[in-house]
Amino acid sequence: MSYSTQFLNKKVTVTVDRKMGTKHPKHNYFYPINYGYIAGVMAPDGHELDAYVLGVFKPVDTFEGMCIAVIHRLNDDDDKLIVVLEGKVFSDDEIRAIVDFQERFFTSEILRVS
């Protein structure tokens, strides 16, 4: 299991540093969703643990929600939490479609609590 699975089904706060509609600072793509990190939680890549915010349709600075899944990259050491409003549900296929703008460059699996 991935180190990130400890956050599954727990409330987390995402600090959004790449807001919906902004452009990636190095690569030539835009963020169709809010994307950020969990402050103070370090990932194996040496940066704070990243998170996608799903189901929020405006740019936000921070977001508190439930971690419903983890995208565990098999060819990179940078997992991503999937964070949503409490009570919202997204299927694996929906998650993959929403995060494809960035995740298409990696091989990954979606982890959930069984």
Protein backbone atom coordinates (compact mmCIF):
# COMPACT_ATOMS: atom_id res chain seq x y z
CA MET A 1 0.00 0.00 0.00
CA SER A 2 0.99 3.58 -0.53
CA TYR A 3 1.93 5.98 2.28
CA SER A 4 -0.95 8.21 1.12
CA THR A 5 -3.69 5.71 1.94
CA GLN A 6 -3.62 6.91 5.56
CA PHE A 7 -5.70 9.88 4.34
CA LEU A 8 -8.49 7.82 2.77
CA ASN A 9 -11.93 8.70 4.16
CA LYS A 10 -10.44 11.50 6.29
CA LYS A 11 -11.07 15.22 6.21
CA VAL A 12 -8.10 17.21 4.87
CA THR A 13 -7.38 20.82 4.02
CA VAL A 14 -5.88 21.53 0.62
CA THR A 15 -3.82 24.67 0.06
CA VAL A 16 -4.51 25.48 -3.58
CA ASP A 17 -1.43 26.79 -5.37
CA ARG A 18 -2.67 26.04 -8.89
CA LYS A 19 -6.16 27.38 -9.20
CA MET A 20 -8.72 26.33 -11.74
CA GLY A 21 -8.05 28.18 -15.01
CA THR A 22 -4.37 28.93 -14.36
CA LYS A 23 -1.45 27.71 -16.46
CA HIS A 24 1.23 25.31 -15.22
CA PRO A 25 4.40 27.32 -14.49
CA LYS A 26 6.68 25.06 -16.61
CA HIS A 27 4.48 22.99 -18.91
CA ASN A 28 2.03 24.29 -21.46
CA TYR A 29 -1.33 23.21 -20.00
CA PHE A 30 -4.10 24.78 -17.96
CA TYR A 31 -5.65 23.46 -14.77
CA PRO A 32 -9.34 22.64 -15.32
CA ILE A 33 -9.67 21.99 -11.56
CA ASN A 34 -8.11 23.30 -8.37
CA TYR A 35 -4.86 21.58 -7.43
CA GLY A 36 -2.69 21.96 -4.38
CA TYR A 37 -1.10 20.26 -1.43
CA ILE A 38 -1.58 19.21 2.18
CA ALA A 39 0.54 21.66 4.18
CA GLY A 40 3.17 20.04 6.36
CA VAL A 41 2.76 16.53 4.94
CA MET A 42 5.88 15.58 3.01
CA ALA A 43 5.79 13.07 0.18
CA PRO A 44 8.69 10.84 -0.90
CA ASP A 45 9.48 13.26 -3.76
CA GLY A 46 10.58 15.85 -1.16
CA HIS A 47 7.56 18.14 -1.68
CA GLU A 48 4.30 18.41 0.21
CA LEU A 49 1.64 15.82 -0.64
CA ASP A 50 -0.40 16.88 -3.68
CA ALA A 51 -4.18 16.86 -4.00
CA TYR A 52 -6.76 17.31 -6.72
CA VAL A 53 -9.98 19.07 -5.67
CA LEU A 54 -12.99 17.67 -7.56
CA GLY A 55 -16.52 19.05 -7.75
CA VAL A 56 -15.68 22.71 -7.04
CA PHE A 57 -16.32 24.89 -10.05
CA LYS A 58 -14.58 28.12 -9.13
CA PRO A 59 -10.99 29.00 -8.17
CA VAL A 60 -10.36 28.73 -4.41
CA ASP A 61 -7.41 29.44 -2.11
CA THR A 62 -8.05 26.55 0.28
CA PHE A 63 -10.50 23.69 0.40
CA GLU A 64 -11.58 21.38 3.21
CA GLY A 65 -13.04 18.09 2.09
CA MET A 66 -12.89 14.31 2.24
CA CYS A 67 -10.16 12.24 0.63
CA ILE A 68 -12.08 9.60 -1.30
CA ALA A 69 -9.21 8.11 -3.30
CA VAL A 70 -5.48 8.19 -3.96
CA ILE A 71 -3.86 8.19 -7.36
CA HIS A 72 -0.77 6.06 -6.79
CA ARG A 73 1.72 6.60 -9.58
CA LEU A 74 3.60 3.43 -10.44
CA ASN A 75 6.37 5.18 -12.40
CA ASP A 76 6.84 8.20 -10.10
CA ASP A 77 6.99 8.74 -6.32
CA ASP A 78 4.34 11.44 -6.26
CA ASP A 79 0.88 10.25 -5.14
CA LYS A 80 -2.13 12.54 -5.46
CA LEU A 81 -5.09 12.70 -3.08
CA ILE A 82 -8.58 13.05 -4.54
CA VAL A 83 -10.47 15.48 -2.30
CA VAL A 84 -14.19 16.27 -2.64
CA LEU A 85 -17.05 17.88 -0.76
CA GLU A 86 -18.26 15.58 1.99
CA GLY A 87 -20.88 13.19 0.63
CA LYS A 88 -19.86 13.54 -3.04
CA VAL A 89 -19.02 10.39 -4.97
CA PHE A 90 -16.86 9.99 -8.07
CA SER A 91 -16.22 6.69 -9.84
CA ASP A 92 -12.72 5.65 -10.86
CA ASP A 93 -13.63 6.41 -14.50
CA GLU A 94 -14.86 9.89 -13.57
CA ILE A 95 -11.69 10.58 -11.58
CA ARG A 96 -9.49 9.42 -14.46
CA ALA A 97 -11.37 11.60 -16.95
CA ILE A 98 -11.12 14.70 -14.74
CA VAL A 99 -7.38 14.38 -13.94
CA ASP A 100 -6.32 13.14 -17.38
CA PHE A 101 -4.90 16.58 -18.25
CA GLN A 102 -1.93 15.72 -16.02
CA GLU A 103 -2.13 12.02 -15.18
CA ARG A 104 -2.00 10.87 -18.83
CA PHE A 105 1.78 11.22 -18.60
CA PHE A 106 2.02 8.60 -15.82
CA THR A 107 1.05 5.02 -15.11
CA SER A 108 -1.10 4.85 -12.00
CA GLU A 109 -3.70 3.00 -10.02
CA ILE A 110 -6.58 4.41 -7.99
CA LEU A 111 -6.59 3.27 -4.38
CA ARG A 112 -9.62 3.32 -2.08
CA VAL A 113 -10.67 1.80 1.20
CA SER A 114 -12.30 -1.55 0.43
